[in-house]
Amino acid sequence: MSLDPLIAAWLEQTKDAPPPASLAELRAATETGLRQLHGPLEDVAAIRDYVLPGEHALTVRAYVPAGADTDQPLPAIVFAHGGGWCLCSLDLYDNPCRALANATGCVVFSVDYRLAPEHKFPVPLVDFYTALCWVAEHAAALGIDARRLAVAGDSAGGNLAAAAALMARDQAGPALAHQLLLYPALDFAFDTPSYQRHAEGFSLTREAMRFCWSAYLNAPADGMQPYAAPLRAVSLKNLPPATVLVCEYDPLHDEGAAYAQRLRDGGVAADCVQLDGMIHASMHMLGLTPQARGLFDVAGLAMRKAMAM
């Protein structure tokens, strides 16, 4: 279908914005720009911050969905935010994580992993996997059901979620019930048809992705490693079932679809759902277009099914 008209208007309004002169300016502009698209703050039952033991004092923020029956262990999602491994923050993802918790009925544990380029691969992934293991190990105290534990993330966070699922498979745990990958970045390549169609003009550009990957990887050779680029894994067998959401007007569209197909080829149940008319980062656009709610509707249905709710 055609590009969502409200998104098209926003792209037109912002197309001539001057490029940031530094990474600090880019981070600030990203925080401000995306926050303006969020819309009203969603109410949840509770928000709690946990600081994990260790020298890095990793913070994990838990969102308990509105109306949850906390007398029973709840299903949970460990979530990695997007931002090309080098942008965005725990606070910026506050409203998206509230919406995700409410849509899925799961406690969402949002991980404040360290950012590149100050902390390159594999540090962000190690932080996320460490948080995943901590949540699984402390499930009883956290009021969650360790048998109904999923990973999720959007964009670069989808990359971390997929890579953490590979690590959990390879390192014998923790057991995962599902992986929810929202327009994930899964391959260190920029040559798919969707990269050709949407290289420019749809907010996320091919050059922006080149910049993000260069910030994340120590060297291009790292991009051949499956924990950096999960689409390059030799085998995707024995992974948890997956739901992959791809945006119609997104350079990353094809690698998400390809990953879902490779999962199916490996005997893993995997659904790939296209968000028609949408662009990258649509998780942030509830205040821009009603159509952005579709991401949460699809995620909610998928997770409630996966968690037998």
Protein backbone atom coordinates (compact mmCIF):
# COMPACT_ATOMS: atom_id res chain seq x y z
CA MET A 1 0.00 0.00 0.00
CA SER A 2 1.04 3.63 -0.15
CA LEU A 3 3.06 5.29 2.57
CA ASP A 4 0.96 6.37 5.54
CA PRO A 5 -0.05 9.99 4.72
CA LEU A 6 0.74 11.30 8.20
CA ILE A 7 4.20 9.76 8.04
CA ALA A 8 4.65 11.16 4.52
CA ALA A 9 3.78 14.64 5.80
CA TRP A 10 6.23 14.27 8.71
CA LEU A 11 8.99 13.16 6.34
CA GLU A 12 8.33 16.20 4.16
CA GLN A 13 8.49 18.54 7.17
CA THR A 14 11.76 17.12 8.45
CA LYS A 15 13.64 16.41 5.22
CA ASP A 16 15.67 19.63 5.25
CA ALA A 17 16.84 19.42 8.86
CA PRO A 18 20.60 20.03 9.05
CA PRO A 19 22.63 16.92 9.85
CA PRO A 20 24.11 16.76 13.38
CA ALA A 21 27.77 17.74 13.53
CA SER A 22 28.78 15.16 16.15
CA LEU A 23 27.66 11.95 17.80
CA ALA A 24 26.58 13.94 20.86
CA GLU A 25 24.38 16.15 18.69
CA LEU A 26 22.98 13.10 16.90
CA ARG A 27 22.12 11.47 20.22
CA ALA A 28 20.40 14.61 21.46
CA ALA A 29 18.49 15.11 18.20
CA THR A 30 17.34 11.48 18.20
CA GLU A 31 16.07 11.68 21.77
CA THR A 32 14.18 14.91 21.10
CA GLY A 33 12.85 13.95 17.69
CA LEU A 34 11.50 10.52 18.63
CA ARG A 35 10.06 11.67 21.94
CA GLN A 36 7.92 14.22 20.08
CA LEU A 37 6.21 11.34 18.23
CA HIS A 38 5.23 9.28 21.27
CA GLY A 39 1.83 10.69 22.13
CA PRO A 40 0.19 10.43 25.57
CA LEU A 41 1.91 8.42 28.28
CA GLU A 42 0.28 5.02 28.84
CA ASP A 43 -0.57 3.96 32.38
CA VAL A 44 0.89 0.70 33.69
CA ALA A 45 0.46 -1.08 37.01
CA ALA A 46 4.05 -0.51 38.18
CA ILE A 47 7.54 0.48 37.10
CA ARG A 48 10.60 -0.72 39.00
CA ASP A 49 14.30 -0.25 38.41
CA TYR A 50 16.78 -3.00 39.25
CA VAL A 51 20.54 -2.48 39.35
CA LEU A 52 22.37 -5.71 38.66
CA PRO A 53 25.40 -6.64 40.74
CA GLY A 54 28.78 -6.18 39.09
CA GLU A 55 31.21 -3.43 38.26
CA HIS A 56 29.08 -1.96 35.47
CA ALA A 57 25.88 -1.44 37.54
CA LEU A 58 23.64 -2.48 34.66
CA THR A 59 20.08 -1.15 35.08
CA VAL A 60 16.99 -3.09 34.07
CA ARG A 61 13.59 -1.34 34.21
CA ALA A 62 10.49 -3.48 34.67
CA TYR A 63 7.05 -2.48 33.37
CA VAL A 64 4.11 -4.38 34.86
CA PRO A 65 1.10 -4.15 32.51
CA ALA A 66 -2.08 -2.39 33.58
CA GLY A 67 -4.65 -4.77 35.01
CA ALA A 68 -2.16 -7.59 35.59
CA ASP A 69 -3.02 -10.23 38.18
CA THR A 70 0.15 -10.02 40.23
CA ASP A 71 -1.02 -12.83 42.51
CA GLN A 72 0.14 -15.20 39.77
CA PRO A 73 3.56 -15.35 38.06
CA LEU A 74 3.38 -13.29 34.87
CA PRO A 75 4.98 -13.94 31.49
CA ALA A 76 7.91 -11.69 30.75
CA ILE A 77 9.82 -10.08 27.90
CA VAL A 78 13.45 -8.97 28.18
CA PHE A 79 13.67 -6.04 25.78
CA ALA A 80 16.57 -4.33 23.98
CA HIS A 81 15.95 -0.84 22.67
CA GLY A 82 16.95 0.27 19.20
CA GLY A 83 19.16 3.11 18.08
CA GLY A 84 21.88 1.54 15.97
CA TRP A 85 23.72 0.28 19.08
CA CYS A 86 24.96 3.85 19.60
CA LEU A 87 21.82 5.97 20.14
CA CYS A 88 18.71 6.11 22.35
CA SER A 89 18.25 5.38 26.03
CA LEU A 90 16.22 3.62 28.68
CA ASP A 91 14.24 6.81 29.29
CA LEU A 92 13.45 7.41 25.62
CA TYR A 93 11.84 3.97 25.45
CA ASP A 94 9.65 4.53 28.48
CA ASN A 95 6.38 5.04 26.60
CA PRO A 96 7.04 2.36 23.94
CA CYS A 97 7.77 -0.16 26.72
CA ARG A 98 4.62 0.85 28.58
CA ALA A 99 2.63 0.26 25.39
CA LEU A 100 4.37 -3.07 24.77
CA ALA A 101 3.65 -4.29 28.30
CA ASN A 102 -0.02 -3.35 28.03
CA ALA A 103 -0.41 -4.85 24.55
CA THR A 104 1.23 -8.17 25.42
CA GLY A 105 0.18 -8.60 29.04
CA CYS A 106 3.83 -9.36 29.82
CA VAL A 107 6.18 -7.73 32.27
CA VAL A 108 8.69 -5.93 30.05
CA PHE A 109 12.26 -5.73 31.35
CA SER A 110 14.01 -2.97 29.40
CA VAL A 111 17.80 -3.24 29.49
CA ASP A 112 20.05 -0.18 29.73
CA TYR A 113 22.97 -1.78 27.87
CA ARG A 114 26.15 0.18 27.25
CA LEU A 115 26.33 1.97 23.90
CA ALA A 116 28.82 1.92 21.04
CA PRO A 117 31.22 3.31 19.94
CA GLU A 118 32.40 3.73 23.53
CA HIS A 119 31.51 0.05 24.03
CA LYS A 120 31.77 -1.92 20.81
CA PHE A 121 30.71 -5.46 19.94
CA PRO A 122 30.21 -7.65 21.85
CA VAL A 123 29.70 -5.40 24.92
CA PRO A 124 26.07 -4.37 24.22
CA LEU A 125 25.18 -7.99 23.50
CA VAL A 126 26.97 -9.26 26.61
CA ASP A 127 25.09 -6.69 28.70
CA PHE A 128 21.76 -7.78 27.25
CA TYR A 129 22.49 -11.48 27.66
CA THR A 130 23.66 -10.86 31.24
CA ALA A 131 20.37 -9.11 31.99
CA LEU A 132 18.42 -11.95 30.36
CA CYS A 133 20.18 -14.52 32.54
CA TRP A 134 19.62 -12.41 35.66
CA VAL A 135 15.90 -12.09 34.97
CA ALA A 136 15.61 -15.84 34.39
CA GLU A 137 17.58 -16.66 37.55
CA HIS A 138 15.48 -14.31 39.70
CA ALA A 139 12.11 -15.11 38.16
CA ALA A 140 10.43 -16.09 41.43
CA ALA A 141 11.51 -12.93 43.24
CA LEU A 142 10.47 -10.82 40.23
CA GLY A 143 7.00 -12.36 40.13
CA ILE A 144 7.39 -13.85 36.67
CA ASP A 145 7.09 -17.30 35.15
CA ALA A 146 10.50 -18.50 33.95
CA ARG A 147 8.76 -20.95 31.61
CA ARG A 148 7.15 -18.02 29.79
CA LEU A 149 10.18 -15.84 29.10
CA ALA A 150 10.83 -14.12 25.76
CA VAL A 151 13.38 -11.79 24.22
CA ALA A 152 12.41 -8.79 22.13
CA GLY A 153 13.87 -5.68 20.61
CA ASP A 154 13.47 -3.19 17.81
CA SER A 155 16.04 -2.38 15.11
CA ALA A 156 19.50 -2.81 16.66
CA GLY A 157 17.67 -4.10 19.72
CA GLY A 158 16.12 -6.76 17.51
CA ASN A 159 19.64 -7.70 16.54
CA LEU A 160 20.59 -8.07 20.22
CA ALA A 161 17.46 -10.10 20.96
CA ALA A 162 18.10 -12.48 18.06
CA ALA A 163 21.78 -12.82 18.99
CA ALA A 164 20.88 -13.46 22.63
CA ALA A 165 18.54 -16.24 21.51
CA LEU A 166 21.47 -17.78 19.61
CA MET A 167 23.65 -17.46 22.71
CA ALA A 168 20.98 -19.02 24.90
CA ARG A 169 20.79 -21.96 22.49
CA ASP A 170 24.55 -22.36 22.29
CA GLN A 171 25.22 -21.89 26.01
CA ALA A 172 22.34 -24.06 27.29
CA GLY A 173 20.14 -21.33 28.63
CA PRO A 174 18.12 -19.63 29.67
CA ALA A 175 15.16 -21.38 28.07
CA LEU A 176 13.11 -19.01 25.91
CA ALA A 177 9.49 -19.31 24.90
CA HIS A 178 9.58 -16.78 22.06
CA GLN A 179 11.53 -14.06 20.28
CA LEU A 180 9.78 -10.89 19.13
CA LEU A 181 11.89 -9.06 16.56
CA LEU A 182 10.66 -5.62 15.50
CA TYR A 183 12.16 -4.43 12.19
CA PRO A 184 15.49 -5.99 13.23
CA ALA A 185 18.97 -5.29 11.84
CA LEU A 186 20.32 -8.78 11.18
CA ASP A 187 23.01 -8.61 8.52
CA PHE A 188 26.13 -6.58 7.88
CA ALA A 189 25.21 -5.98 4.25
CA PHE A 190 23.50 -3.15 2.45
CA ASP A 191 22.57 -4.74 -0.85
CA THR A 192 19.05 -6.16 -0.52
CA PRO A 193 16.23 -4.91 -2.75
CA SER A 194 14.71 -3.04 0.19
CA TYR A 195 18.05 -1.29 0.75
CA GLN A 196 17.94 -0.27 -2.91
CA ARG A 197 14.31 0.91 -2.81
CA HIS A 198 14.52 2.77 0.47
CA ALA A 199 18.13 3.91 0.67
CA GLU A 200 17.00 7.51 1.15
CA GLY A 201 13.85 9.47 1.84
CA PHE A 202 12.24 7.24 4.51
CA SER A 203 13.97 8.52 7.67
CA LEU A 204 16.41 5.63 8.14
CA THR A 205 18.94 5.68 5.29
CA ARG A 206 21.49 3.22 4.02
CA GLU A 207 24.30 5.60 5.01
CA ALA A 208 22.89 5.87 8.53
CA MET A 209 23.00 2.09 8.81
CA ARG A 210 26.59 2.05 7.55
CA PHE A 211 27.43 4.56 10.29
CA CYS A 212 25.68 2.51 12.98
CA TRP A 213 27.37 -0.74 11.99
CA SER A 214 30.77 1.00 11.92
CA ALA A 215 30.10 2.35 15.40
CA TYR A 216 29.19 -1.13 16.68
CA LEU A 217 31.84 -3.34 15.08
CA ASN A 218 35.52 -3.25 15.93
CA ALA A 219 36.32 -4.17 12.32
CA PRO A 220 34.32 -5.25 9.26
CA ALA A 221 35.37 -8.86 9.91
CA ASP A 222 33.17 -8.82 13.03
CA GLY A 223 30.19 -8.52 10.71
CA MET A 224 30.72 -12.12 9.64
CA GLN A 225 30.12 -13.42 13.17
CA PRO A 226 26.59 -14.71 13.84
CA TYR A 227 26.38 -13.02 17.24
CA ALA A 228 26.97 -9.72 15.44
CA ALA A 229 24.89 -10.52 12.33
CA PRO A 230 22.45 -13.35 13.18
CA LEU A 231 21.41 -13.82 9.55
CA ARG A 232 24.93 -15.17 8.97
CA ALA A 233 24.54 -18.02 11.46
CA VAL A 234 25.26 -21.38 9.86
CA SER A 235 22.20 -22.91 11.50
CA LEU A 236 19.05 -21.45 13.04
CA LYS A 237 17.79 -24.81 14.27
CA ASN A 238 16.59 -25.29 17.84
CA LEU A 239 15.80 -21.62 18.41
CA PRO A 240 12.60 -20.44 20.10
CA PRO A 241 9.57 -19.63 17.93
CA ALA A 242 9.65 -16.12 16.50
CA THR A 243 7.48 -13.27 15.39
CA VAL A 244 9.27 -10.87 13.04
CA LEU A 245 7.67 -7.54 12.18
CA VAL A 246 8.95 -5.66 9.13
CA CYS A 247 7.97 -2.20 7.91
CA GLU A 248 6.96 -1.82 4.28
CA TYR A 249 9.13 1.28 3.67
CA ASP A 250 12.27 0.26 5.55
CA PRO A 251 15.77 -0.57 4.27
CA LEU A 252 15.82 -3.45 6.78
CA HIS A 253 12.61 -5.02 5.48
CA ASP A 254 14.22 -7.83 3.49
CA GLU A 255 16.67 -9.06 6.11
CA GLY A 256 13.86 -9.44 8.63
CA ALA A 257 11.80 -11.41 6.12
CA ALA A 258 14.84 -13.50 5.20
CA TYR A 259 15.51 -14.32 8.84
CA ALA A 260 11.95 -15.53 9.37
CA GLN A 261 12.26 -17.75 6.30
CA ARG A 262 15.58 -19.16 7.46
CA LEU A 263 14.05 -19.93 10.85
CA ARG A 264 11.25 -21.82 9.11
CA ASP A 265 13.79 -23.63 6.95
CA GLY A 266 15.49 -24.72 10.18
CA GLY A 267 12.29 -26.14 11.57
CA VAL A 268 11.47 -23.17 13.82
CA ALA A 269 7.93 -21.78 13.87
CA ALA A 270 8.27 -18.20 12.65
CA ASP A 271 5.75 -15.63 11.47
CA CYS A 272 6.73 -12.58 9.46
CA VAL A 273 4.21 -9.74 9.47
CA GLN A 274 4.55 -6.67 7.27
CA LEU A 275 3.38 -3.38 8.74
CA ASP A 276 1.84 -1.80 5.66
CA GLY A 277 2.55 1.85 4.97
CA MET A 278 5.03 2.11 7.85
CA ILE A 279 8.66 3.15 8.12
CA HIS A 280 11.48 2.20 10.46
CA ALA A 281 11.11 3.15 14.14
CA SER A 282 7.31 2.95 14.01
CA MET A 283 7.33 1.81 17.64
CA HIS A 284 7.80 5.49 18.47
CA MET A 285 4.97 6.84 16.33
CA LEU A 286 1.80 6.36 18.37
CA GLY A 287 1.48 10.14 18.59
CA LEU A 288 2.04 10.63 14.87
CA THR A 289 -0.33 8.18 13.22
CA PRO A 290 -3.07 5.83 14.43
CA GLN A 291 -1.61 3.20 12.11
CA ALA A 292 1.38 2.82 14.43
CA ARG A 293 -0.92 1.01 16.86
CA GLY A 294 -0.79 -1.92 14.44
CA LEU A 295 2.69 -2.85 15.66
CA PHE A 296 1.43 -3.27 19.21
CA ASP A 297 -1.71 -5.08 18.07
CA VAL A 298 0.35 -7.65 16.16
CA ALA A 299 2.89 -7.99 18.97
CA GLY A 300 0.13 -8.35 21.53
CA LEU A 301 -1.65 -11.12 19.65
CA ALA A 302 1.60 -12.97 18.98
CA MET A 303 2.82 -12.84 22.56
CA ARG A 304 -0.51 -13.72 24.12
CA LYS A 305 -0.65 -16.77 21.86
CA ALA A 306 2.96 -17.72 22.58
CA MET A 307 2.45 -17.32 26.32
CA ALA A 308 -0.89 -19.18 26.32
CA MET A 309 -2.74 -16.22 27.78
